Amino acid sequence: MGCKKDSSDISSLPERKGVIQRKGMPMTLLGSELKVGQEAPEFAAVDMDMKECKLSEFKGKFIIISSIPSVDTPMCNLQTLRLNEEAEKLKPDVVILTVSWDLPFAQKRWCGDKSVSHTLLLSDYRDREFGKAYGLIIKERMLLARAVIIIDREGIVRYLQIVKEQFSQPDYDDLLNALQKLREGA
């Protein structure tokens, strides 16, 4: 009997070397390369209540996707808290999704501990659809890379910032300025 191929298999994904690094060491990203101007790939992930959530559910809003390795690390903690603060100021036409491979239970505990309620945390642990489609799987760590993405109301990727040094924060000013320009042009 052969083994059924797991839908989360990543062995055949395209590789991109040198896009990111960890403490100066080059790392490899797996998955399709995302480009500004393309239609945002659909993906499904699981929310903190284990319900499937699809990107298309937010069409008609500006979407910021914050990709992080794990909410239980200091840099990801800072990134998620910062974007949660911004989310409160940006509503109602902007939604912020934070995606990691953390289990939904860990995300729910973390949100409760930190009183995070303006950002939707999603877990890509099950099928790794987000990581594969957005090209953000770190081969050497088997985690998602730190990145921020803006998708416009029509579902087009308008901004992409893959953080080169994974122990650094995204450039929030650049992200928020890009969002403001998109909102003004809408």
N, C-alpha and C. Protein backbone atom coordinates (compact mmCIF):
# COMPACT_ATOMS: atom_id res chain seq x y z
N MET A 1 0.82 -1.18 0.00
CA MET A 1 0.00 0.00 0.00
C MET A 1 0.87 1.24 0.00
N GLY A 2 0.51 2.20 -0.84
CA GLY A 2 1.24 3.47 -0.87
C GLY A 2 0.61 4.46 0.08
N CYS A 3 1.38 5.44 0.43
CA CYS A 3 0.86 6.50 1.31
C CYS A 3 0.19 7.57 0.48
N LYS A 4 -0.90 8.06 0.96
CA LYS A 4 -1.60 9.15 0.30
C LYS A 4 -0.74 10.41 0.45
N LYS A 5 -0.59 11.15 -0.64
CA LYS A 5 0.20 12.37 -0.59
C LYS A 5 -0.55 13.43 0.23
N ASP A 6 0.14 13.99 1.19
CA ASP A 6 -0.42 15.01 2.07
C ASP A 6 -0.60 16.30 1.27
N SER A 7 -1.75 16.95 1.41
CA SER A 7 -2.02 18.19 0.68
C SER A 7 -1.13 19.33 1.13
N SER A 8 -0.49 19.19 2.28
CA SER A 8 0.40 20.24 2.76
C SER A 8 1.84 20.00 2.32
N ASP A 9 2.09 18.99 1.45
CA ASP A 9 3.43 18.68 0.97
C ASP A 9 4.04 19.89 0.28
N ILE A 10 5.29 20.15 0.61
CA ILE A 10 5.95 21.33 0.05
C ILE A 10 7.21 20.98 -0.74
N SER A 11 7.50 19.69 -0.87
CA SER A 11 8.77 19.27 -1.49
C SER A 11 8.91 19.69 -2.94
N SER A 12 7.82 19.92 -3.64
CA SER A 12 7.92 20.27 -5.06
C SER A 12 7.74 21.77 -5.33
N LEU A 13 7.70 22.58 -4.28
CA LEU A 13 7.50 24.01 -4.45
C LEU A 13 8.75 24.70 -5.00
N PRO A 14 8.56 25.76 -5.80
CA PRO A 14 9.72 26.52 -6.28
C PRO A 14 10.48 27.14 -5.10
N GLU A 15 11.80 27.28 -5.26
CA GLU A 15 12.65 27.85 -4.22
C GLU A 15 13.24 29.19 -4.67
N ARG A 16 13.33 30.13 -3.72
CA ARG A 16 13.97 31.42 -3.96
C ARG A 16 14.97 31.65 -2.84
N LYS A 17 16.24 31.74 -3.20
CA LYS A 17 17.30 31.89 -2.21
C LYS A 17 17.69 33.36 -2.06
N GLY A 18 18.08 33.74 -0.84
CA GLY A 18 18.63 35.07 -0.60
C GLY A 18 17.63 36.20 -0.48
N VAL A 19 16.35 35.92 -0.54
CA VAL A 19 15.34 36.97 -0.39
C VAL A 19 15.30 37.45 1.06
N ILE A 20 15.49 36.50 1.97
CA ILE A 20 15.49 36.82 3.40
C ILE A 20 16.74 36.23 4.05
N GLN A 21 16.97 36.69 5.27
CA GLN A 21 18.05 36.12 6.06
C GLN A 21 17.64 36.12 7.52
N ARG A 22 18.33 35.30 8.28
CA ARG A 22 18.11 35.20 9.73
C ARG A 22 19.46 35.37 10.39
N LYS A 23 19.60 36.46 11.11
CA LYS A 23 20.88 36.80 11.75
C LYS A 23 22.02 36.77 10.74
N GLY A 24 21.75 37.32 9.55
CA GLY A 24 22.76 37.42 8.50
C GLY A 24 22.94 36.19 7.64
N MET A 25 22.33 35.08 8.00
CA MET A 25 22.46 33.83 7.23
C MET A 25 21.34 33.77 6.18
N PRO A 26 21.70 33.61 4.90
CA PRO A 26 20.67 33.54 3.85
C PRO A 26 19.73 32.35 4.08
N MET A 27 18.47 32.57 3.79
CA MET A 27 17.45 31.54 3.93
C MET A 27 16.74 31.37 2.58
N THR A 28 15.99 30.28 2.47
CA THR A 28 15.29 29.95 1.23
C THR A 28 13.79 30.06 1.43
N LEU A 29 13.13 30.76 0.53
CA LEU A 29 11.66 30.83 0.54
C LEU A 29 11.10 29.80 -0.43
N LEU A 30 10.05 29.13 -0.01
CA LEU A 30 9.35 28.16 -0.84
C LEU A 30 7.98 28.70 -1.22
N GLY A 31 7.55 28.37 -2.43
CA GLY A 31 6.22 28.76 -2.88
C GLY A 31 6.30 29.73 -4.05
N SER A 32 5.15 30.00 -4.61
CA SER A 32 5.06 30.90 -5.75
C SER A 32 5.44 32.32 -5.36
N GLU A 33 6.18 33.00 -6.22
CA GLU A 33 6.58 34.38 -5.94
C GLU A 33 5.39 35.31 -6.15
N LEU A 34 5.05 36.05 -5.13
CA LEU A 34 3.96 37.02 -5.20
C LEU A 34 4.48 38.31 -5.81
N LYS A 35 3.67 38.94 -6.66
CA LYS A 35 4.07 40.18 -7.31
C LYS A 35 2.98 41.24 -7.16
N VAL A 36 3.42 42.47 -6.96
CA VAL A 36 2.49 43.59 -6.92
C VAL A 36 1.81 43.70 -8.28
N GLY A 37 0.50 43.90 -8.28
CA GLY A 37 -0.26 44.01 -9.51
C GLY A 37 -1.01 42.75 -9.88
N GLN A 38 -0.66 41.63 -9.28
CA GLN A 38 -1.36 40.39 -9.59
C GLN A 38 -2.59 40.25 -8.69
N GLU A 39 -3.49 39.40 -9.13
CA GLU A 39 -4.64 39.08 -8.28
C GLU A 39 -4.14 38.31 -7.07
N ALA A 40 -4.64 38.69 -5.90
CA ALA A 40 -4.23 38.01 -4.67
C ALA A 40 -4.71 36.57 -4.70
N PRO A 41 -3.81 35.61 -4.49
CA PRO A 41 -4.24 34.22 -4.49
C PRO A 41 -5.23 33.94 -3.36
N GLU A 42 -6.27 33.22 -3.69
CA GLU A 42 -7.23 32.80 -2.67
C GLU A 42 -6.56 31.80 -1.75
N PHE A 43 -6.91 31.83 -0.50
CA PHE A 43 -6.45 30.82 0.44
C PHE A 43 -7.48 30.68 1.54
N ALA A 44 -7.46 29.55 2.17
CA ALA A 44 -8.30 29.31 3.34
C ALA A 44 -7.37 29.01 4.50
N ALA A 45 -7.70 29.55 5.66
CA ALA A 45 -6.97 29.29 6.89
C ALA A 45 -8.02 29.11 7.98
N VAL A 46 -7.56 28.82 9.18
CA VAL A 46 -8.48 28.53 10.27
C VAL A 46 -8.40 29.67 11.29
N ASP A 47 -9.57 30.15 11.71
CA ASP A 47 -9.57 31.20 12.74
C ASP A 47 -9.41 30.58 14.13
N MET A 48 -9.42 31.40 15.14
CA MET A 48 -9.15 30.92 16.50
C MET A 48 -10.24 29.99 17.05
N ASP A 49 -11.40 29.95 16.39
CA ASP A 49 -12.47 29.04 16.79
C ASP A 49 -12.54 27.82 15.88
N MET A 50 -11.45 27.60 15.12
CA MET A 50 -11.32 26.45 14.22
C MET A 50 -12.28 26.49 13.04
N LYS A 51 -12.76 27.67 12.70
CA LYS A 51 -13.63 27.82 11.54
C LYS A 51 -12.79 28.25 10.35
N GLU A 52 -13.10 27.66 9.19
CA GLU A 52 -12.38 28.03 7.98
C GLU A 52 -12.72 29.46 7.59
N CYS A 53 -11.72 30.18 7.18
CA CYS A 53 -11.87 31.57 6.77
C CYS A 53 -11.14 31.75 5.45
N LYS A 54 -11.81 32.31 4.46
CA LYS A 54 -11.21 32.52 3.14
C LYS A 54 -10.92 33.99 2.90
N LEU A 55 -9.86 34.26 2.16
CA LEU A 55 -9.51 35.63 1.82
C LEU A 55 -10.68 36.34 1.14
N SER A 56 -11.38 35.65 0.27
CA SER A 56 -12.47 36.25 -0.50
C SER A 56 -13.60 36.79 0.38
N GLU A 57 -13.67 36.37 1.64
CA GLU A 57 -14.69 36.88 2.55
C GLU A 57 -14.51 38.37 2.84
N PHE A 58 -13.32 38.90 2.56
CA PHE A 58 -13.02 40.30 2.87
C PHE A 58 -12.99 41.19 1.64
N LYS A 59 -13.36 40.64 0.47
CA LYS A 59 -13.37 41.44 -0.76
C LYS A 59 -14.28 42.65 -0.57
N GLY A 60 -13.83 43.78 -1.10
CA GLY A 60 -14.57 45.02 -0.92
C GLY A 60 -13.93 45.90 0.14
N LYS A 61 -12.98 45.35 0.88
CA LYS A 61 -12.22 46.11 1.88
C LYS A 61 -10.75 46.10 1.49
N PHE A 62 -10.00 47.02 2.04
CA PHE A 62 -8.55 46.93 1.94
C PHE A 62 -8.11 45.90 2.97
N ILE A 63 -7.22 45.02 2.56
CA ILE A 63 -6.76 43.95 3.44
C ILE A 63 -5.25 44.10 3.65
N ILE A 64 -4.85 44.14 4.89
CA ILE A 64 -3.43 44.04 5.21
C ILE A 64 -3.22 42.64 5.75
N ILE A 65 -2.31 41.91 5.13
CA ILE A 65 -1.93 40.60 5.65
C ILE A 65 -0.56 40.75 6.30
N SER A 66 -0.50 40.34 7.54
CA SER A 66 0.75 40.33 8.29
C SER A 66 1.15 38.87 8.47
N SER A 67 2.22 38.48 7.81
CA SER A 67 2.72 37.11 7.91
C SER A 67 3.83 37.07 8.95
N ILE A 68 3.71 36.14 9.90
CA ILE A 68 4.69 36.04 10.98
C ILE A 68 5.06 34.58 11.24
N PRO A 69 6.26 34.34 11.78
CA PRO A 69 6.61 32.97 12.16
C PRO A 69 5.78 32.43 13.32
N SER A 70 5.65 33.19 14.42
CA SER A 70 4.90 32.71 15.58
C SER A 70 4.60 33.86 16.53
N VAL A 71 3.36 33.93 17.00
CA VAL A 71 2.99 35.01 17.94
C VAL A 71 3.75 34.89 19.26
N ASP A 72 4.30 33.74 19.53
CA ASP A 72 5.01 33.52 20.79
C ASP A 72 6.48 33.90 20.74
N THR A 73 6.88 34.69 19.76
CA THR A 73 8.25 35.19 19.70
C THR A 73 8.22 36.71 19.87
N PRO A 74 9.29 37.29 20.40
CA PRO A 74 9.28 38.73 20.69
C PRO A 74 8.99 39.62 19.47
N MET A 75 9.61 39.36 18.32
CA MET A 75 9.42 40.22 17.15
C MET A 75 8.00 40.09 16.59
N CYS A 76 7.47 38.88 16.58
CA CYS A 76 6.11 38.68 16.08
C CYS A 76 5.09 39.29 17.04
N ASN A 77 5.38 39.20 18.32
CA ASN A 77 4.55 39.83 19.34
C ASN A 77 4.46 41.33 19.07
N LEU A 78 5.62 41.97 18.86
CA LEU A 78 5.64 43.41 18.58
C LEU A 78 4.89 43.75 17.30
N GLN A 79 5.11 42.97 16.24
CA GLN A 79 4.47 43.24 14.96
C GLN A 79 2.95 43.13 15.08
N THR A 80 2.48 42.11 15.74
CA THR A 80 1.04 41.89 15.86
C THR A 80 0.40 42.95 16.75
N LEU A 81 1.06 43.30 17.84
CA LEU A 81 0.52 44.37 18.71
C LEU A 81 0.49 45.70 17.99
N ARG A 82 1.53 46.02 17.24
CA ARG A 82 1.57 47.29 16.51
C ARG A 82 0.44 47.36 15.48
N LEU A 83 0.26 46.30 14.73
CA LEU A 83 -0.80 46.32 13.72
C LEU A 83 -2.19 46.28 14.35
N ASN A 84 -2.33 45.68 15.50
CA ASN A 84 -3.60 45.72 16.23
C ASN A 84 -3.94 47.16 16.61
N GLU A 85 -2.93 47.93 17.06
CA GLU A 85 -3.14 49.35 17.38
C GLU A 85 -3.57 50.12 16.14
N GLU A 86 -2.92 49.87 15.03
CA GLU A 86 -3.25 50.56 13.78
C GLU A 86 -4.65 50.17 13.30
N ALA A 87 -5.02 48.92 13.48
CA ALA A 87 -6.33 48.43 13.01
C ALA A 87 -7.47 49.23 13.62
N GLU A 88 -7.32 49.58 14.88
CA GLU A 88 -8.38 50.33 15.55
C GLU A 88 -8.58 51.69 14.89
N LYS A 89 -7.50 52.30 14.41
CA LYS A 89 -7.57 53.62 13.76
C LYS A 89 -8.06 53.52 12.32
N LEU A 90 -7.87 52.38 11.68
CA LEU A 90 -8.12 52.25 10.24
C LEU A 90 -9.52 51.77 9.88
N LYS A 91 -10.23 51.18 10.81
CA LYS A 91 -11.53 50.62 10.46
C LYS A 91 -12.47 51.72 9.99
N PRO A 92 -13.50 51.48 9.26
CA PRO A 92 -14.12 50.19 8.95
C PRO A 92 -13.74 49.61 7.59
N ASP A 93 -13.00 50.36 6.73
CA ASP A 93 -12.74 49.85 5.39
C ASP A 93 -11.44 49.06 5.25
N VAL A 94 -10.75 48.82 6.38
CA VAL A 94 -9.50 48.05 6.36
C VAL A 94 -9.61 46.91 7.36
N VAL A 95 -9.19 45.73 6.93
CA VAL A 95 -9.12 44.58 7.82
C VAL A 95 -7.67 44.11 7.87
N ILE A 96 -7.20 43.75 9.04
CA ILE A 96 -5.84 43.23 9.19
C ILE A 96 -5.92 41.77 9.60
N LEU A 97 -5.28 40.93 8.77
CA LEU A 97 -5.21 39.50 9.02
C LEU A 97 -3.77 39.16 9.38
N THR A 98 -3.56 38.53 10.51
CA THR A 98 -2.24 38.05 10.89
C THR A 98 -2.23 36.55 10.71
N VAL A 99 -1.31 36.07 9.85
CA VAL A 99 -1.27 34.65 9.51
C VAL A 99 0.04 34.05 10.01
N SER A 100 -0.09 32.90 10.68
CA SER A 100 1.08 32.15 11.13
C SER A 100 0.74 30.67 11.07
N TRP A 101 1.71 29.83 11.43
CA TRP A 101 1.45 28.40 11.52
C TRP A 101 1.18 27.99 12.96
N ASP A 102 1.01 28.96 13.84
CA ASP A 102 0.63 28.65 15.22
C ASP A 102 -0.72 27.95 15.20
N LEU A 103 -0.93 27.05 16.13
CA LEU A 103 -2.24 26.42 16.24
C LEU A 103 -3.26 27.46 16.71
N PRO A 104 -4.51 27.33 16.29
CA PRO A 104 -5.54 28.29 16.71
C PRO A 104 -5.64 28.44 18.23
N PHE A 105 -5.40 27.38 18.96
CA PHE A 105 -5.49 27.43 20.42
C PHE A 105 -4.42 28.38 20.99
N ALA A 106 -3.21 28.31 20.43
CA ALA A 106 -2.13 29.20 20.87
C ALA A 106 -2.44 30.64 20.49
N GLN A 107 -3.00 30.85 19.30
CA GLN A 107 -3.37 32.20 18.89
C GLN A 107 -4.44 32.78 19.81
N LYS A 108 -5.42 31.96 20.15
CA LYS A 108 -6.50 32.42 21.02
C LYS A 108 -5.98 32.77 22.41
N ARG A 109 -5.10 31.92 22.95
CA ARG A 109 -4.50 32.21 24.25
C ARG A 109 -3.71 33.52 24.20
N TRP A 110 -2.90 33.68 23.14
CA TRP A 110 -2.07 34.88 22.99
C TRP A 110 -2.96 36.12 22.90
N CYS A 111 -4.00 36.08 22.09
CA CYS A 111 -4.90 37.24 21.95
C CYS A 111 -5.55 37.58 23.28
N GLY A 112 -5.96 36.58 24.03
CA GLY A 112 -6.56 36.82 25.35
C GLY A 112 -5.56 37.44 26.31
N ASP A 113 -4.34 36.93 26.29
CA ASP A 113 -3.30 37.46 27.18
C ASP A 113 -2.94 38.90 26.85
N LYS A 114 -2.99 39.26 25.56
CA LYS A 114 -2.56 40.59 25.11
C LYS A 114 -3.73 41.53 24.84
N SER A 115 -4.95 41.06 25.03
CA SER A 115 -6.17 41.86 24.75
C SER A 115 -6.20 42.36 23.31
N VAL A 116 -5.85 41.50 22.38
CA VAL A 116 -5.87 41.83 20.95
C VAL A 116 -7.26 41.50 20.41
N SER A 117 -7.92 42.51 19.85
CA SER A 117 -9.27 42.28 19.33
C SER A 117 -9.56 42.98 18.01
N HIS A 118 -8.59 43.72 17.46
CA HIS A 118 -8.83 44.45 16.21
C HIS A 118 -8.17 43.80 15.00
N THR A 119 -7.41 42.76 15.25
CA THR A 119 -6.73 42.01 14.20
C THR A 119 -7.24 40.58 14.24
N LEU A 120 -7.50 40.02 13.07
CA LEU A 120 -7.96 38.64 13.00
C LEU A 120 -6.75 37.73 12.80
N LEU A 121 -6.51 36.84 13.75
CA LEU A 121 -5.42 35.88 13.63
C LEU A 121 -5.93 34.62 12.95
N LEU A 122 -5.17 34.18 11.95
CA LEU A 122 -5.51 32.99 11.19
C LEU A 122 -4.35 32.01 11.22
N SER A 123 -4.68 30.74 11.30
CA SER A 123 -3.67 29.69 11.31
C SER A 123 -3.65 28.98 9.96
N ASP A 124 -2.47 28.91 9.38
CA ASP A 124 -2.24 28.25 8.10
C ASP A 124 -1.67 26.85 8.31
N TYR A 125 -1.84 26.31 9.53
CA TYR A 125 -1.19 25.06 9.89
C TYR A 125 -1.70 23.86 9.12
N ARG A 126 -2.96 23.88 8.72
CA ARG A 126 -3.59 22.68 8.18
C ARG A 126 -3.07 22.31 6.79
N ASP A 127 -3.28 23.17 5.82
CA ASP A 127 -2.91 22.86 4.43
C ASP A 127 -1.79 23.74 3.89
N ARG A 128 -1.40 24.74 4.66
CA ARG A 128 -0.31 25.65 4.27
C ARG A 128 -0.62 26.39 2.96
N GLU A 129 -1.93 26.60 2.70
CA GLU A 129 -2.35 27.25 1.46
C GLU A 129 -1.76 28.65 1.33
N PHE A 130 -1.81 29.42 2.41
CA PHE A 130 -1.28 30.79 2.36
C PHE A 130 0.22 30.76 2.09
N GLY A 131 0.96 30.00 2.85
CA GLY A 131 2.41 29.96 2.71
C GLY A 131 2.85 29.56 1.30
N LYS A 132 2.18 28.57 0.73
CA LYS A 132 2.52 28.11 -0.62
C LYS A 132 2.15 29.15 -1.67
N ALA A 133 0.94 29.67 -1.60
CA ALA A 133 0.45 30.60 -2.62
C ALA A 133 1.15 31.95 -2.58
N TYR A 134 1.61 32.36 -1.41
CA TYR A 134 2.25 33.67 -1.26
C TYR A 134 3.78 33.57 -1.21
N GLY A 135 4.32 32.35 -1.32
CA GLY A 135 5.76 32.15 -1.39
C GLY A 135 6.50 32.56 -0.14
N LEU A 136 5.91 32.28 1.03
CA LEU A 136 6.48 32.77 2.28
C LEU A 136 6.87 31.66 3.26
N ILE A 137 7.12 30.47 2.78
CA ILE A 137 7.56 29.39 3.65
C ILE A 137 9.09 29.42 3.74
N ILE A 138 9.62 29.48 4.95
CA ILE A 138 11.06 29.44 5.14
C ILE A 138 11.47 27.96 5.20
N LYS A 139 12.17 27.53 4.17
CA LYS A 139 12.54 26.11 4.06
C LYS A 139 13.34 25.63 5.26
N GLU A 140 14.32 26.41 5.68
CA GLU A 140 15.22 25.98 6.74
C GLU A 140 14.56 25.97 8.13
N ARG A 141 13.49 26.69 8.32
CA ARG A 141 12.84 26.78 9.63
C ARG A 141 11.45 26.16 9.65
N MET A 142 10.87 25.94 8.49
CA MET A 142 9.49 25.44 8.37
C MET A 142 8.53 26.32 9.14
N LEU A 143 8.67 27.62 8.90
CA LEU A 143 7.79 28.66 9.44
C LEU A 143 7.48 29.64 8.32
N LEU A 144 6.51 30.50 8.56
CA LEU A 144 6.24 31.57 7.60
C LEU A 144 7.23 32.70 7.80
N ALA A 145 7.58 33.37 6.72
CA ALA A 145 8.48 34.51 6.76
C ALA A 145 7.71 35.75 7.22
N ARG A 146 8.45 36.71 7.77
CA ARG A 146 7.87 37.99 8.18
C ARG A 146 7.66 38.85 6.94
N ALA A 147 6.41 39.26 6.74
CA ALA A 147 6.06 40.07 5.58
C ALA A 147 4.76 40.81 5.86
N VAL A 148 4.53 41.89 5.11
CA VAL A 148 3.24 42.59 5.13
C VAL A 148 2.81 42.84 3.69
N ILE A 149 1.53 42.69 3.45
CA ILE A 149 0.95 42.76 2.11
C ILE A 149 -0.31 43.59 2.18
N ILE A 150 -0.53 44.42 1.16
CA ILE A 150 -1.81 45.14 1.05
C ILE A 150 -2.52 44.65 -0.21
N ILE A 151 -3.78 44.31 -0.04
CA ILE A 151 -4.65 43.89 -1.14
C ILE A 151 -5.77 44.92 -1.22
N ASP A 152 -6.04 45.40 -2.43
CA ASP A 152 -7.08 46.43 -2.58
C ASP A 152 -8.48 45.82 -2.58
N ARG A 153 -9.47 46.68 -2.70
CA ARG A 153 -10.88 46.25 -2.62
C ARG A 153 -11.28 45.27 -3.72
N GLU A 154 -10.55 45.31 -4.84
CA GLU A 154 -10.86 44.42 -5.96
C GLU A 154 -10.08 43.11 -5.89
N GLY A 155 -9.22 42.96 -4.86
CA GLY A 155 -8.48 41.73 -4.71
C GLY A 155 -7.13 41.70 -5.40
N ILE A 156 -6.57 42.88 -5.67
CA ILE A 156 -5.26 42.97 -6.34
C ILE A 156 -4.18 43.31 -5.30
N VAL A 157 -3.05 42.63 -5.40
CA VAL A 157 -1.92 42.92 -4.51
C VAL A 157 -1.35 44.28 -4.92
N ARG A 158 -1.36 45.23 -3.98
CA ARG A 158 -0.88 46.59 -4.26
C ARG A 158 0.41 46.93 -3.52
N TYR A 159 0.78 46.10 -2.55
CA TYR A 159 1.98 46.38 -1.76
C TYR A 159 2.50 45.07 -1.20
N LEU A 160 3.82 44.92 -1.23
CA LEU A 160 4.45 43.72 -0.68
C LEU A 160 5.78 44.12 -0.05
N GLN A 161 5.93 43.78 1.20
CA GLN A 161 7.19 44.01 1.90
C GLN A 161 7.58 42.71 2.60
N ILE A 162 8.54 42.00 2.01
CA ILE A 162 9.11 40.83 2.66
C ILE A 162 10.31 41.35 3.44
N VAL A 163 10.28 41.20 4.75
CA VAL A 163 11.32 41.75 5.60
C VAL A 163 12.61 40.95 5.38
N LYS A 164 13.64 41.64 4.87
CA LYS A 164 14.91 40.97 4.53
C LYS A 164 15.51 40.25 5.74
N GLU A 165 15.75 40.99 6.82
CA GLU A 165 16.30 40.39 8.04
C GLU A 165 15.12 40.00 8.92
N GLN A 166 14.91 38.73 9.10
CA GLN A 166 13.73 38.24 9.79
C GLN A 166 13.69 38.61 11.27
N PHE A 167 14.80 39.09 11.83
CA PHE A 167 14.81 39.58 13.20
C PHE A 167 14.57 41.08 13.26
N SER A 168 14.05 41.65 12.17
CA SER A 168 13.70 43.07 12.11
C SER A 168 12.20 43.21 11.95
N GLN A 169 11.72 44.39 12.26
CA GLN A 169 10.30 44.70 12.08
C GLN A 169 10.06 45.21 10.66
N PRO A 170 8.84 45.10 10.16
CA PRO A 170 8.52 45.72 8.88
C PRO A 170 8.66 47.24 9.00
N ASP A 171 8.76 47.91 7.87
CA ASP A 171 8.76 49.37 7.84
C ASP A 171 7.29 49.81 7.88
N TYR A 172 6.82 50.08 9.08
CA TYR A 172 5.40 50.40 9.28
C TYR A 172 5.02 51.71 8.59
N ASP A 173 5.90 52.71 8.62
CA ASP A 173 5.61 53.98 7.97
C ASP A 173 5.37 53.78 6.48
N ASP A 174 6.23 52.98 5.84
CA ASP A 174 6.07 52.71 4.42
C ASP A 174 4.76 51.99 4.14
N LEU A 175 4.45 50.99 4.96
CA LEU A 175 3.20 50.24 4.83
C LEU A 175 1.98 51.16 4.95
N LEU A 176 1.96 51.96 6.00
CA LEU A 176 0.80 52.82 6.26
C LEU A 176 0.68 53.94 5.25
N ASN A 177 1.82 54.46 4.76
CA ASN A 177 1.78 55.48 3.70
C ASN A 177 1.22 54.89 2.41
N ALA A 178 1.63 53.67 2.08
CA ALA A 178 1.10 53.00 0.88
C ALA A 178 -0.40 52.79 1.01
N LEU A 179 -0.85 52.39 2.18
CA LEU A 179 -2.28 52.18 2.41
C LEU A 179 -3.03 53.50 2.26
N GLN A 180 -2.51 54.56 2.84
CA GLN A 180 -3.16 55.87 2.76
C GLN A 180 -3.32 56.32 1.30
N LYS A 181 -2.26 56.14 0.50
CA LYS A 181 -2.34 56.51 -0.92
C LYS A 181 -3.40 55.70 -1.64
N LEU A 182 -3.49 54.43 -1.32
CA LEU A 182 -4.52 53.58 -1.95
C LEU A 182 -5.92 54.03 -1.53
N ARG A 183 -6.10 54.34 -0.27
CA ARG A 183 -7.41 54.78 0.21
C ARG A 183 -7.81 56.11 -0.41
N GLU A 184 -6.86 57.01 -0.58
CA GLU A 184 -7.15 58.31 -1.18
C GLU A 184 -7.49 58.18 -2.66
N GLY A 185 -6.88 57.19 -3.32
CA GLY A 185 -7.13 56.98 -4.74
C GLY A 185 -8.38 56.16 -5.03
N ALA A 186 -8.96 55.60 -3.98
CA ALA A 186 -10.12 54.72 -4.17
C ALA A 186 -11.39 55.48 -4.44
